[in-house]
C-alpha atoms as a PDB file:
ATOM      1  CA  MET A   1       0.000   0.000   0.000  1.00  0.00           C
ATOM      2  CA  GLU A   2       1.446   3.334  -1.079  1.00  0.00           C
ATOM      3  CA  ARG A   3       0.880   6.360   1.166  1.00  0.00           C
ATOM      4  CA  VAL A   4       2.116   9.850   0.290  1.00  0.00           C
ATOM      5  CA  GLN A   5       1.457  12.963   2.338  1.00  0.00           C
ATOM      6  CA  LEU A   6       1.179  16.523   1.000  1.00  0.00           C
ATOM      7  CA  ALA A   7       2.994  16.209  -2.320  1.00  0.00           C
ATOM      8  CA  ARG A   8       3.054  19.210  -4.632  1.00  0.00           C
ATOM      9  CA  CYS A   9       0.807  18.844  -7.652  1.00  0.00           C
ATOM     10  CA  TRP A  10      -1.147  20.534 -10.436  1.00  0.00           C
ATOM     11  CA  VAL A  11      -4.615  19.452 -11.573  1.00  0.00           C
ATOM     12  CA  LEU A  12      -4.709  18.408 -15.238  1.00  0.00           C
ATOM     13  CA  HIS A  13      -8.251  17.094 -15.654  1.00  0.00           C
ATOM     14  CA  THR A  14     -11.333  16.215 -13.624  1.00  0.00           C
ATOM     15  CA  ARG A  15     -14.564  14.438 -14.391  1.00  0.00           C
ATOM     16  CA  ALA A  16     -17.532  13.087 -12.479  1.00  0.00           C
ATOM     17  CA  TYR A  17     -17.103   9.614 -11.023  1.00  0.00           C
ATOM     18  CA  ARG A  18     -19.986   7.525  -9.707  1.00  0.00           C
ATOM     19  CA  ASP A  19     -22.593   9.327  -7.617  1.00  0.00           C
ATOM     20  CA  SER A  20     -20.656  12.023  -5.794  1.00  0.00           C
ATOM     21  CA  SER A  21     -16.938  11.612  -6.469  1.00  0.00           C
ATOM     22  CA  LEU A  22     -14.438  13.091  -8.891  1.00  0.00           C
ATOM     23  CA  LEU A  23     -11.868  11.297 -11.010  1.00  0.00           C
ATOM     24  CA  VAL A  24      -8.830  13.596 -10.956  1.00  0.00           C
ATOM     25  CA  ASP A  25      -5.689  13.501 -13.082  1.00  0.00           C
ATOM     26  CA  LEU A  26      -2.749  15.281 -11.454  1.00  0.00           C
ATOM     27  CA  LEU A  27       0.806  16.124 -12.434  1.00  0.00           C
ATOM     28  CA  THR A  28       3.238  15.354  -9.617  1.00  0.00           C
ATOM     29  CA  ALA A  29       7.011  15.154  -9.418  1.00  0.00           C
ATOM     30  CA  GLU A  30       6.961  11.823  -7.550  1.00  0.00           C
ATOM     31  CA  ARG A  31       4.548   9.910  -9.744  1.00  0.00           C
ATOM     32  CA  GLY A  32       4.303  11.973 -12.915  1.00  0.00           C
ATOM     33  CA  ARG A  33       0.699  11.789 -14.099  1.00  0.00           C
ATOM     34  CA  LEU A  34      -1.370  10.356 -11.293  1.00  0.00           C
ATOM     35  CA  ARG A  35      -5.045   9.392 -11.380  1.00  0.00           C
ATOM     36  CA  GLY A  36      -7.086   9.229  -8.215  1.00  0.00           C
ATOM     37  CA  VAL A  37     -10.586   9.355  -6.821  1.00  0.00           C
ATOM     38  CA  ALA A  38     -11.625  12.271  -4.628  1.00  0.00           C
ATOM     39  CA  ARG A  39     -14.455  10.519  -2.814  1.00  0.00           C
ATOM     40  CA  GLY A  40     -17.530  12.629  -2.142  1.00  0.00           C
ATOM     41  CA  ALA A  41     -15.853  15.676  -3.705  1.00  0.00           C
ATOM     42  CA  ARG A  42     -18.952  16.718  -5.638  1.00  0.00           C
ATOM     43  CA  ARG A  43     -20.928  16.691  -2.404  1.00  0.00           C
ATOM     44  CA  LEU A  44     -18.255  18.423  -0.296  1.00  0.00           C
ATOM     45  CA  ARG A  45     -17.871  21.798  -1.986  1.00  0.00           C
ATOM     46  CA  ARG A  46     -14.602  22.666  -0.256  1.00  0.00           C
ATOM     47  CA  ARG A  47     -12.904  19.700  -1.949  1.00  0.00           C
ATOM     48  CA  THR A  48     -14.480  20.338  -5.331  1.00  0.00           C
ATOM     49  CA  ALA A  49     -13.468  23.996  -5.293  1.00  0.00           C
ATOM     50  CA  SER A  50      -9.831  23.110  -4.675  1.00  0.00           C
ATOM     51  CA  ALA A  51      -9.669  20.584  -7.533  1.00  0.00           C
ATOM     52  CA  GLU A  52      -9.055  23.302 -10.090  1.00  0.00           C
ATOM     53  CA  PRO A  53      -6.278  23.662 -12.666  1.00  0.00           C
ATOM     54  CA  PHE A  54      -3.448  26.203 -12.667  1.00  0.00           C
ATOM     55  CA  ALA A  55      -3.131  26.554  -8.897  1.00  0.00           C
ATOM     56  CA  PRO A  56      -0.179  24.988  -7.027  1.00  0.00           C
ATOM     57  CA  LEU A  57      -1.661  22.395  -4.666  1.00  0.00           C
ATOM     58  CA  LEU A  58      -0.717  19.806  -2.065  1.00  0.00           C
ATOM     59  CA  VAL A  59      -2.274  16.355  -2.183  1.00  0.00           C
ATOM     60  CA  SER A  60      -2.104  13.169  -0.150  1.00  0.00           C
ATOM     61  CA  TRP A  61      -2.907   9.795  -1.649  1.00  0.00           C
ATOM     62  CA  SER A  62      -3.024   6.124  -0.767  1.00  0.00           C
ATOM     63  CA  GLY A  63      -3.610   2.828  -2.532  1.00  0.00           C
ATOM     64  CA  ARG A  64      -1.932   0.618  -5.072  1.00  0.00           C
ATOM     65  CA  GLY A  65      -2.002   0.368  -8.831  1.00  0.00           C
ATOM     66  CA  GLU A  66      -3.029   3.132 -11.204  1.00  0.00           C
ATOM     67  CA  LEU A  67      -6.222   4.349  -9.502  1.00  0.00           C
ATOM     68  CA  LEU A  68      -5.469   5.849  -6.086  1.00  0.00           C
ATOM     69  CA  THR A  69      -7.551   7.383  -3.327  1.00  0.00           C
ATOM     70  CA  LEU A  70      -6.937  11.112  -2.909  1.00  0.00           C
ATOM     71  CA  GLY A  71      -7.064  13.145   0.262  1.00  0.00           C
ATOM     72  CA  ALA A  72      -8.195  16.757   0.260  1.00  0.00           C
ATOM     73  CA  LEU A  73      -6.419  19.035  -2.217  1.00  0.00           C
ATOM     74  CA  GLU A  74      -4.919  21.981  -0.373  1.00  0.00           C
ATOM     75  CA  ARG A  75      -3.635  25.306  -1.691  1.00  0.00           C
ATOM     76  CA  THR A  76       0.024  26.100  -1.161  1.00  0.00           C
ATOM     77  CA  ALA A  77       1.229  29.513  -0.041  1.00  0.00           C
ATOM     78  CA  ASP A  78       2.353  30.277  -3.603  1.00  0.00           C
ATOM     79  CA  ALA A  79       0.242  32.693  -5.618  1.00  0.00           C
ATOM     80  CA  PRO A  80      -1.303  30.924  -8.625  1.00  0.00           C
ATOM     81  CA  PRO A  81      -0.468  32.248 -12.094  1.00  0.00           C
ATOM     82  CA  GLN A  82      -3.077  34.709 -13.331  1.00  0.00           C
ATOM     83  CA  LEU A  83      -4.174  33.494 -16.752  1.00  0.00           C
ATOM     84  CA  GLY A  84      -6.705  34.870 -19.214  1.00  0.00           C
ATOM     85  CA  GLY A  85      -7.556  34.974 -22.901  1.00  0.00           C
ATOM     86  CA  ARG A  86      -5.139  33.171 -25.197  1.00  0.00           C
ATOM     87  CA  CYS A  87      -2.733  32.552 -22.306  1.00  0.00           C
ATOM     88  CA  LEU A  88      -5.437  30.583 -20.493  1.00  0.00           C
ATOM     89  CA  LEU A  89      -6.124  28.572 -23.638  1.00  0.00           C
ATOM     90  CA  ALA A  90      -2.389  27.909 -23.984  1.00  0.00           C
ATOM     91  CA  ALA A  91      -2.372  26.529 -20.427  1.00  0.00           C
ATOM     92  CA  LEU A  92      -5.389  24.331 -21.254  1.00  0.00           C
ATOM     93  CA  TYR A  93      -3.442  23.130 -24.311  1.00  0.00           C
ATOM     94  CA  PHE A  94      -0.534  22.135 -22.037  1.00  0.00           C
ATOM     95  CA  ASN A  95      -2.916  20.207 -19.805  1.00  0.00           C
ATOM     96  CA  GLU A  96      -4.535  18.411 -22.719  1.00  0.00           C
ATOM     97  CA  LEU A  97      -1.145  17.368 -24.072  1.00  0.00           C
ATOM     98  CA  LEU A  98      -0.044  16.030 -20.688  1.00  0.00           C
ATOM     99  CA  TYR A  99      -3.350  14.227 -20.117  1.00  0.00           C
ATOM    100  CA  ARG A 100      -3.243  12.645 -23.567  1.00  0.00           C
ATOM    101  CA  LEU A 101       0.440  11.760 -23.824  1.00  0.00           C
ATOM    102  CA  LEU A 102       1.893  11.057 -20.388  1.00  0.00           C
ATOM    103  CA  PRO A 103       1.773   7.490 -19.079  1.00  0.00           C
ATOM    104  CA  LEU A 104       0.578   6.963 -15.522  1.00  0.00           C
ATOM    105  CA  GLY A 105       3.070   6.525 -12.726  1.00  0.00           C
ATOM    106  CA  ASP A 106       6.432   7.634 -14.170  1.00  0.00           C
ATOM    107  CA  PRO A 107       8.331  10.066 -11.880  1.00  0.00           C
ATOM    108  CA  LEU A 108       8.880  13.282 -13.826  1.00  0.00           C
ATOM    109  CA  PRO A 109      10.562  15.875 -11.586  1.00  0.00           C
ATOM    110  CA  GLN A 110      12.028  17.899 -14.478  1.00  0.00           C
ATOM    111  CA  LEU A 111       8.773  18.060 -16.441  1.00  0.00           C
ATOM    112  CA  PHE A 112       6.930  19.018 -13.249  1.00  0.00           C
ATOM    113  CA  ALA A 113       9.336  21.944 -12.825  1.00  0.00           C
ATOM    114  CA  ASP A 114       9.142  22.883 -16.528  1.00  0.00           C
ATOM    115  CA  TYR A 115       5.333  22.903 -16.400  1.00  0.00           C
ATOM    116  CA  GLY A 116       5.241  25.279 -13.452  1.00  0.00           C
ATOM    117  CA  THR A 117       7.795  27.540 -15.133  1.00  0.00           C
ATOM    118  CA  ALA A 118       5.706  27.571 -18.323  1.00  0.00           C
ATOM    119  CA  LEU A 119       2.495  28.520 -16.479  1.00  0.00           C
ATOM    120  CA  TYR A 120       4.137  31.466 -14.741  1.00  0.00           C
ATOM    121  CA  ALA A 121       5.752  32.477 -18.030  1.00  0.00           C
ATOM    122  CA  LEU A 122       2.284  32.546 -19.616  1.00  0.00           C
ATOM    123  CA  ALA A 123       1.018  34.702 -16.758  1.00  0.00           C
ATOM    124  CA  SER A 124       3.700  37.306 -17.469  1.00  0.00           C
ATOM    125  CA  THR A 125       3.342  37.165 -21.248  1.00  0.00           C
ATOM    126  CA  ASP A 126       2.692  40.573 -22.801  1.00  0.00           C
ATOM    127  CA  SER A 127       2.925  39.806 -26.520  1.00  0.00           C
ATOM    128  CA  ALA A 128       1.900  37.192 -29.061  1.00  0.00           C
ATOM    129  CA  ASP A 129       5.585  36.592 -29.813  1.00  0.00           C
ATOM    130  CA  ARG A 130       6.390  35.706 -26.213  1.00  0.00           C
ATOM    131  CA  LEU A 131       3.326  33.486 -26.048  1.00  0.00           C
ATOM    132  CA  ALA A 132       4.484  31.578 -29.145  1.00  0.00           C
ATOM    133  CA  SER A 133       7.976  31.131 -27.701  1.00  0.00           C
ATOM    134  CA  THR A 134       6.580  29.767 -24.428  1.00  0.00           C
ATOM    135  CA  LEU A 135       4.397  27.296 -26.318  1.00  0.00           C
ATOM    136  CA  ARG A 136       7.284  25.988 -28.404  1.00  0.00           C
ATOM    137  CA  ARG A 137       9.668  25.665 -25.459  1.00  0.00           C
ATOM    138  CA  PHE A 138       7.183  23.616 -23.453  1.00  0.00           C
ATOM    139  CA  GLU A 139       6.323  21.392 -26.419  1.00  0.00           C
ATOM    140  CA  LEU A 140      10.035  20.650 -26.833  1.00  0.00           C
ATOM    141  CA  CYS A 141      10.380  19.884 -23.104  1.00  0.00           C
ATOM    142  CA  LEU A 142       7.460  17.458 -23.314  1.00  0.00           C
ATOM    143  CA  LEU A 143       8.815  15.725 -26.416  1.00  0.00           C
ATOM    144  CA  ARG A 144      12.193  15.310 -24.695  1.00  0.00           C
ATOM    145  CA  THR A 145      10.497  13.794 -21.625  1.00  0.00           C
ATOM    146  CA  LEU A 146       8.593  11.327 -23.810  1.00  0.00           C
ATOM    147  CA  GLY A 147      11.824  10.174 -25.453  1.00  0.00           C
ATOM    148  CA  TYR A 148      11.253  12.062 -28.714  1.00  0.00           C
ATOM    149  CA  GLY A 149      13.595  14.970 -28.096  1.00  0.00           C
ATOM    150  CA  ILE A 150      14.451  17.001 -31.183  1.00  0.00           C
ATOM    151  CA  ASP A 151      18.115  17.783 -31.891  1.00  0.00           C
ATOM    152  CA  PHE A 152      18.081  20.772 -34.240  1.00  0.00           C
ATOM    153  CA  ALA A 153      21.857  20.668 -34.685  1.00  0.00           C
ATOM    154  CA  PHE A 154      22.195  17.019 -35.755  1.00  0.00           C
ATOM    155  CA  ASP A 155      21.675  15.204 -39.051  1.00  0.00           C
ATOM    156  CA  ALA A 156      20.051  11.918 -38.023  1.00  0.00           C
ATOM    157  CA  GLU A 157      21.028  10.190 -41.262  1.00  0.00           C
ATOM    158  CA  THR A 158      24.721  11.088 -41.536  1.00  0.00           C
ATOM    159  CA  GLU A 159      25.327  11.648 -37.802  1.00  0.00           C
ATOM    160  CA  ALA A 160      27.026  14.925 -38.734  1.00  0.00           C
ATOM    161  CA  SER A 161      26.337  18.450 -37.536  1.00  0.00           C
ATOM    162  CA  VAL A 162      23.746  20.423 -39.464  1.00  0.00           C
ATOM    163  CA  ASP A 163      25.301  22.546 -42.217  1.00  0.00           C
ATOM    164  CA  ALA A 164      24.223  26.181 -42.005  1.00  0.00           C
ATOM    165  CA  ALA A 165      24.137  26.335 -45.815  1.00  0.00           C
ATOM    166  CA  GLY A 166      22.148  23.112 -46.201  1.00  0.00           C
ATOM    167  CA  TRP A 167      18.480  22.200 -46.242  1.00  0.00           C
ATOM    168  CA  TYR A 168      16.820  19.533 -44.093  1.00  0.00           C
ATOM    169  CA  CYS A 169      13.551  17.643 -43.842  1.00  0.00           C
ATOM    170  CA  PHE A 170      12.051  16.556 -40.532  1.00  0.00           C
ATOM    171  CA  GLU A 171      10.882  12.983 -39.984  1.00  0.00           C
ATOM    172  CA  PRO A 172       8.944  12.390 -36.732  1.00  0.00           C
ATOM    173  CA  GLY A 173      10.649   9.822 -34.545  1.00  0.00           C
ATOM    174  CA  VAL A 174      13.846  10.127 -36.591  1.00  0.00           C
ATOM    175  CA  GLY A 175      14.933  13.746 -36.741  1.00  0.00           C
ATOM    176  CA  PHE A 176      16.382  15.952 -39.460  1.00  0.00           C
ATOM    177  CA  VAL A 177      17.772  14.457 -42.648  1.00  0.00           C
ATOM    178  CA  SER A 178      19.493  16.190 -45.524  1.00  0.00           C
ATOM    179  CA  GLY A 179      17.199  17.381 -48.306  1.00  0.00           C
ATOM    180  CA  THR A 180      16.835  20.023 -50.970  1.00  0.00           C
ATOM    181  CA  GLN A 181      15.306  23.458 -50.809  1.00  0.00           C
ATOM    182  CA  GLY A 182      11.526  23.282 -51.050  1.00  0.00           C
ATOM    183  CA  ARG A 183       8.238  23.666 -49.244  1.00  0.00           C
ATOM    184  CA  ASP A 184       8.895  20.934 -46.676  1.00  0.00           C
ATOM    185  CA  ALA A 185      12.587  21.674 -46.072  1.00  0.00           C
ATOM    186  CA  PHE A 186      14.169  23.872 -43.417  1.00  0.00           C
ATOM    187  CA  ALA A 187      17.292  25.978 -43.767  1.00  0.00           C
ATOM    188  CA  GLY A 188      20.265  24.719 -41.783  1.00  0.00           C
ATOM    189  CA  ARG A 189      20.966  28.202 -40.411  1.00  0.00           C
ATOM    190  CA  ALA A 190      17.436  28.283 -38.905  1.00  0.00           C
ATOM    191  CA  LEU A 191      17.896  24.883 -37.269  1.00  0.00           C
ATOM    192  CA  LEU A 192      21.205  25.957 -35.744  1.00  0.00           C
ATOM    193  CA  ALA A 193      19.592  29.109 -34.353  1.00  0.00           C
ATOM    194  CA  LEU A 194      16.859  27.038 -32.735  1.00  0.00           C
ATOM    195  CA  ALA A 195      19.461  24.636 -31.363  1.00  0.00           C
ATOM    196  CA  ALA A 196      21.022  27.652 -29.631  1.00  0.00           C
ATOM    197  CA  GLY A 197      17.643  28.499 -28.036  1.00  0.00           C
ATOM    198  CA  ASP A 198      16.798  31.432 -30.309  1.00  0.00           C
ATOM    199  CA  PHE A 199      13.020  31.685 -30.760  1.00  0.00           C
ATOM    200  CA  ASP A 200      12.916  35.449 -31.263  1.00  0.00           C
ATOM    201  CA  ALA A 201      12.682  35.843 -35.033  1.00  0.00           C
ATOM    202  CA  PRO A 202       9.283  35.128 -36.654  1.00  0.00           C
ATOM    203  CA  GLU A 203      10.846  32.820 -39.249  1.00  0.00           C
ATOM    204  CA  LEU A 204      12.426  30.730 -36.484  1.00  0.00           C
ATOM    205  CA  ARG A 205       9.121  30.404 -34.660  1.00  0.00           C
ATOM    206  CA  ARG A 206       7.490  29.267 -37.902  1.00  0.00           C
ATOM    207  CA  VAL A 207      10.099  26.521 -38.252  1.00  0.00           C
ATOM    208  CA  ALA A 208       9.672  25.496 -34.607  1.00  0.00           C
ATOM    209  CA  ILE A 209       5.872  25.270 -34.782  1.00  0.00           C
ATOM    210  CA  SER A 210       6.022  23.228 -37.982  1.00  0.00           C
ATOM    211  CA  VAL A 211       8.458  20.770 -36.428  1.00  0.00           C
ATOM    212  CA  THR A 212       6.750  20.402 -33.044  1.00  0.00           C
ATOM    213  CA  ARG A 213       3.328  20.079 -34.651  1.00  0.00           C
ATOM    214  CA  ARG A 214       4.541  17.197 -36.831  1.00  0.00           C
ATOM    215  CA  ALA A 215       6.254  15.502 -33.902  1.00  0.00           C
ATOM    216  CA  LEU A 216       3.180  15.769 -31.670  1.00  0.00           C
ATOM    217  CA  ALA A 217       0.777  14.707 -34.439  1.00  0.00           C
ATOM    218  CA  ALA A 218       2.668  11.430 -34.743  1.00  0.00           C
ATOM    219  CA  LEU A 219       2.115  10.782 -31.019  1.00  0.00           C
ATOM    220  CA  LEU A 220      -1.504  11.955 -30.926  1.00  0.00           C
ATOM    221  CA  GLU A 221      -2.406   9.574 -33.773  1.00  0.00           C
ATOM    222  CA  ALA A 222      -4.591  12.034 -35.688  1.00  0.00           C
ATOM    223  CA  GLN A 223      -6.947  12.630 -32.746  1.00  0.00           C
ATOM    224  CA  PRO A 224      -7.573  16.403 -32.720  1.00  0.00           C
ATOM    225  CA  LEU A 225      -6.885  18.522 -29.650  1.00  0.00           C
ATOM    226  CA  VAL A 226      -9.937  20.414 -28.398  1.00  0.00           C
ATOM    227  CA  SER A 227      -7.789  23.213 -26.971  1.00  0.00           C
ATOM    228  CA  ARG A 228      -6.025  23.757 -30.291  1.00  0.00           C
ATOM    229  CA  GLN A 229      -9.359  24.142 -32.089  1.00  0.00           C
ATOM    230  CA  CYS A 230     -10.485  26.719 -29.494  1.00  0.00           C
ATOM    231  CA  PHE A 231      -7.157  28.511 -29.792  1.00  0.00           C
ATOM    232  CA  ALA A 232      -7.492  28.814 -33.559  1.00  0.00           C
ATOM    233  CA  ALA A 233     -10.986  30.320 -33.176  1.00  0.00           C
ATOM    234  CA  LEU A 234      -9.840  33.191 -30.956  1.00  0.00           C
ATOM    235  CA  PRO A 235      -8.619  36.553 -32.247  1.00  0.00           C
ATOM    236  CA  HIS A 236      -4.863  37.059 -32.002  1.00  0.00           C
ATOM    237  CA  ALA A 237      -5.136  39.435 -29.059  1.00  0.00           C
ATOM    238  CA  LEU A 238      -3.808  38.039 -25.767  1.00  0.00           C
ATOM    239  CA  SER A 239      -6.976  38.774 -23.835  1.00  0.00           C
END
């Protein structure tokens, strides 16, 4: 029987379970994505109110296997990130990705830290450019955690460094391979800039979104993301 007391967590997803309970998916450092039952939470308003996303929480759990029994979710002393408009939708997109792609029960301390950093970065975002950069950086962190990290500076076919003067195609699950200039090819100089962490220029962000979208589509198996559809329907303003 596993028993954990007051572990830090973020709520990813909730849904009704049986007559009065909630089925809650959490992101924790100790267990990665965790699924548990908050018994009677829909009847006890104080527990339901605390099972909300984008607030740093403490949770206790017990049980064995993949479905655990949750104690009350408690707020930490940390101020939650203040999210609205497109930044809130971006955070919902993060949650949907994690809910859809993370296995249950794998300890993920680095991703847990990266997720919190990304939420607070969204809360301080003051431009569409910064929002796009935050989205791409978190997508790359998630892909790396899942074992599909993208090396922008490496030719997966020749095992050589990317040539700044060359052109490369991206193959999900493989990486970049040498190609010729065309619609589906990326300039080597752009890949090297991204490898150095440069997401500032619009053309670099366009390359990054094309690459991460292809990589994630291969993992999502053509099942559309609800948050992405909502995101596309909003005006480009941040709020």
